[in-house]
């Protein structure tokens, strides 16, 4: 249902962009977002965007990361600027209907982001 791409390696201060393709049925009504999981840590939310375009971000990425969507292509992007070594993690695309039912939560495959100092 979700196909993530992008990521890779970057120097501190650099930029990367993640992409996530979703089916139309999901994209039109689900809250789309990105999570990340660093080694030895729990998965944490990074950014999310509602079908209406409202966005929210983790405090740690505010001002550096931007989540956006392409309605025509059913795509969600995470533009990551000003990368820091602590941004190193596996990033996951997420779609959540926010009804408290795991049947309505989807995850894409993880994509590695590695930031060197």
C-alpha atoms as a PDB file:
ATOM      1  CA  UNK A   1       0.000   0.000   0.000  1.00  0.00           C
ATOM      2  CA  UNK A   2       2.914   2.319   0.699  1.00  0.00           C
ATOM      3  CA  UNK A   3       6.169   2.467  -1.212  1.00  0.00           C
ATOM      4  CA  UNK A   4       8.961   4.594   0.201  1.00  0.00           C
ATOM      5  CA  UNK A   5      12.075   5.701  -1.630  1.00  0.00           C
ATOM      6  CA  UNK A   6      14.924   8.128  -1.262  1.00  0.00           C
ATOM      7  CA  UNK A   7      17.248   8.401   1.660  1.00  0.00           C
ATOM      8  CA  UNK A   8      20.910   7.546   1.591  1.00  0.00           C
ATOM      9  CA  UNK A   9      23.953   9.249   3.014  1.00  0.00           C
ATOM     10  CA  UNK A  10      24.628  12.935   3.546  1.00  0.00           C
ATOM     11  CA  UNK A  11      27.041  15.192   5.332  1.00  0.00           C
ATOM     12  CA  UNK A  12      25.887  17.268   8.269  1.00  0.00           C
ATOM     13  CA  UNK A  13      24.164  20.359   6.962  1.00  0.00           C
ATOM     14  CA  UNK A  14      23.166  18.603   3.766  1.00  0.00           C
ATOM     15  CA  UNK A  15      19.792  17.678   2.360  1.00  0.00           C
ATOM     16  CA  UNK A  16      17.887  14.582   1.365  1.00  0.00           C
ATOM     17  CA  UNK A  17      14.356  13.955   0.173  1.00  0.00           C
ATOM     18  CA  UNK A  18      12.181  10.964   0.941  1.00  0.00           C
ATOM     19  CA  UNK A  19       9.212   9.980  -1.181  1.00  0.00           C
ATOM     20  CA  UNK A  20       6.248   7.771  -0.425  1.00  0.00           C
ATOM     21  CA  UNK A  21       3.745   6.521  -2.965  1.00  0.00           C
ATOM     22  CA  UNK A  22       0.313   5.542  -1.689  1.00  0.00           C
ATOM     23  CA  UNK A  23      -2.776   4.089  -3.267  1.00  0.00           C
ATOM     24  CA  UNK A  24      -5.484   6.620  -4.030  1.00  0.00           C
ATOM     25  CA  UNK A  25      -7.888   5.059  -1.545  1.00  0.00           C
ATOM     26  CA  UNK A  26      -5.417   5.630   1.264  1.00  0.00           C
ATOM     27  CA  UNK A  27      -3.988   8.941   0.173  1.00  0.00           C
ATOM     28  CA  UNK A  28      -7.358  10.682  -0.016  1.00  0.00           C
ATOM     29  CA  UNK A  29      -8.509  10.040   3.540  1.00  0.00           C
ATOM     30  CA  UNK A  30      -5.569   8.941   5.691  1.00  0.00           C
ATOM     31  CA  UNK A  31      -3.194  11.117   7.626  1.00  0.00           C
ATOM     32  CA  UNK A  32       0.172  10.566   5.986  1.00  0.00           C
ATOM     33  CA  UNK A  33       3.373  10.813   7.921  1.00  0.00           C
ATOM     34  CA  UNK A  34       6.959   9.857   8.474  1.00  0.00           C
ATOM     35  CA  UNK A  35       8.434   8.087  11.457  1.00  0.00           C
ATOM     36  CA  UNK A  36      12.023   7.177  12.194  1.00  0.00           C
ATOM     37  CA  UNK A  37      13.838   4.662  14.305  1.00  0.00           C
ATOM     38  CA  UNK A  38      17.445   5.052  15.323  1.00  0.00           C
ATOM     39  CA  UNK A  39      19.489   2.082  16.534  1.00  0.00           C
ATOM     40  CA  UNK A  40      18.527   1.149  20.062  1.00  0.00           C
ATOM     41  CA  UNK A  41      15.670   3.634  20.165  1.00  0.00           C
ATOM     42  CA  UNK A  42      11.926   3.471  19.752  1.00  0.00           C
ATOM     43  CA  UNK A  43      10.234   4.510  16.558  1.00  0.00           C
ATOM     44  CA  UNK A  44       9.207   8.153  16.788  1.00  0.00           C
ATOM     45  CA  UNK A  45       6.986  10.430  14.721  1.00  0.00           C
ATOM     46  CA  UNK A  46       8.754  12.985  12.559  1.00  0.00           C
ATOM     47  CA  UNK A  47       6.088  14.756  10.538  1.00  0.00           C
ATOM     48  CA  UNK A  48       2.513  14.325   9.384  1.00  0.00           C
ATOM     49  CA  UNK A  49       0.091  15.888   6.944  1.00  0.00           C
ATOM     50  CA  UNK A  50      -3.694  15.620   6.895  1.00  0.00           C
ATOM     51  CA  UNK A  51      -5.792  15.254   3.737  1.00  0.00           C
ATOM     52  CA  UNK A  52      -6.581  18.943   4.141  1.00  0.00           C
ATOM     53  CA  UNK A  53      -2.905  19.862   4.158  1.00  0.00           C
ATOM     54  CA  UNK A  54      -2.394  20.622   7.836  1.00  0.00           C
ATOM     55  CA  UNK A  55       1.109  19.688   8.918  1.00  0.00           C
ATOM     56  CA  UNK A  56       2.832  19.040  12.188  1.00  0.00           C
ATOM     57  CA  UNK A  57       6.395  18.229  13.108  1.00  0.00           C
ATOM     58  CA  UNK A  58       8.455  16.839  15.907  1.00  0.00           C
ATOM     59  CA  UNK A  59      10.233  19.621  17.775  1.00  0.00           C
ATOM     60  CA  UNK A  60      13.573  18.130  16.783  1.00  0.00           C
ATOM     61  CA  UNK A  61      12.959  18.714  13.063  1.00  0.00           C
ATOM     62  CA  UNK A  62      10.909  21.909  13.037  1.00  0.00           C
ATOM     63  CA  UNK A  63      12.386  24.468  10.707  1.00  0.00           C
ATOM     64  CA  UNK A  64      14.551  21.871   8.975  1.00  0.00           C
ATOM     65  CA  UNK A  65      12.172  19.264   7.572  1.00  0.00           C
ATOM     66  CA  UNK A  66       9.139  19.867   5.374  1.00  0.00           C
ATOM     67  CA  UNK A  67       6.381  17.379   4.635  1.00  0.00           C
ATOM     68  CA  UNK A  68       4.372  17.921   1.487  1.00  0.00           C
ATOM     69  CA  UNK A  69       2.055  16.040  -0.816  1.00  0.00           C
ATOM     70  CA  UNK A  70       1.342  15.746  -4.488  1.00  0.00           C
ATOM     71  CA  UNK A  71      -2.359  15.033  -4.770  1.00  0.00           C
ATOM     72  CA  UNK A  72      -2.222  14.200  -8.440  1.00  0.00           C
ATOM     73  CA  UNK A  73       0.439  11.573  -7.948  1.00  0.00           C
ATOM     74  CA  UNK A  74      -0.646  10.283  -4.548  1.00  0.00           C
ATOM     75  CA  UNK A  75       2.818  11.076  -3.244  1.00  0.00           C
ATOM     76  CA  UNK A  76       4.066  12.353   0.082  1.00  0.00           C
ATOM     77  CA  UNK A  77       7.515  13.851   0.466  1.00  0.00           C
ATOM     78  CA  UNK A  78       9.813  14.657   3.335  1.00  0.00           C
ATOM     79  CA  UNK A  79      12.367  17.281   2.437  1.00  0.00           C
ATOM     80  CA  UNK A  80      15.157  17.182   4.990  1.00  0.00           C
ATOM     81  CA  UNK A  81      17.483  20.163   5.143  1.00  0.00           C
ATOM     82  CA  UNK A  82      20.123  21.057   7.667  1.00  0.00           C
ATOM     83  CA  UNK A  83      20.682  17.404   8.448  1.00  0.00           C
ATOM     84  CA  UNK A  84      22.366  16.473  11.699  1.00  0.00           C
ATOM     85  CA  UNK A  85      24.071  13.228  12.707  1.00  0.00           C
ATOM     86  CA  UNK A  86      21.230  12.645  15.152  1.00  0.00           C
ATOM     87  CA  UNK A  87      18.846  12.427  12.195  1.00  0.00           C
ATOM     88  CA  UNK A  88      20.473   9.119  11.304  1.00  0.00           C
ATOM     89  CA  UNK A  89      17.754   6.486  11.399  1.00  0.00           C
ATOM     90  CA  UNK A  90      15.559   4.240   9.344  1.00  0.00           C
ATOM     91  CA  UNK A  91      12.650   6.331   8.109  1.00  0.00           C
ATOM     92  CA  UNK A  92       9.195   4.846   7.583  1.00  0.00           C
ATOM     93  CA  UNK A  93       6.261   6.188   5.653  1.00  0.00           C
ATOM     94  CA  UNK A  94       2.987   5.849   7.543  1.00  0.00           C
ATOM     95  CA  UNK A  95      -0.710   6.148   6.772  1.00  0.00           C
ATOM     96  CA  UNK A  96      -3.102   6.276   9.702  1.00  0.00           C
ATOM     97  CA  UNK A  97      -6.835   6.763   9.733  1.00  0.00           C
ATOM     98  CA  UNK A  98      -6.532   7.649  13.447  1.00  0.00           C
ATOM     99  CA  UNK A  99      -9.476   5.530  14.542  1.00  0.00           C
ATOM    100  CA  UNK A 100      -7.525   3.474  17.060  1.00  0.00           C
ATOM    101  CA  UNK A 101      -7.704   0.332  14.972  1.00  0.00           C
ATOM    102  CA  UNK A 102      -4.427  -1.175  13.727  1.00  0.00           C
ATOM    103  CA  UNK A 103      -6.235  -2.469  10.647  1.00  0.00           C
ATOM    104  CA  UNK A 104      -6.278   1.107   9.445  1.00  0.00           C
ATOM    105  CA  UNK A 105      -2.589   1.805   9.913  1.00  0.00           C
ATOM    106  CA  UNK A 106      -0.149   1.127   7.099  1.00  0.00           C
ATOM    107  CA  UNK A 107       3.612   1.205   7.002  1.00  0.00           C
ATOM    108  CA  UNK A 108       5.996   1.404   4.100  1.00  0.00           C
ATOM    109  CA  UNK A 109       9.304  -0.335   4.060  1.00  0.00           C
ATOM    110  CA  UNK A 110      12.029   1.565   5.874  1.00  0.00           C
ATOM    111  CA  UNK A 111      14.629   3.628   4.117  1.00  0.00           C
ATOM    112  CA  UNK A 112      17.988   4.345   5.700  1.00  0.00           C
ATOM    113  CA  UNK A 113      19.199   7.882   6.259  1.00  0.00           C
ATOM    114  CA  UNK A 114      22.778   8.267   7.442  1.00  0.00           C
ATOM    115  CA  UNK A 115      24.235  11.660   8.311  1.00  0.00           C
ATOM    116  CA  UNK A 116      27.934  11.991   8.955  1.00  0.00           C
ATOM    117  CA  UNK A 117      29.605  14.811  10.809  1.00  0.00           C
END
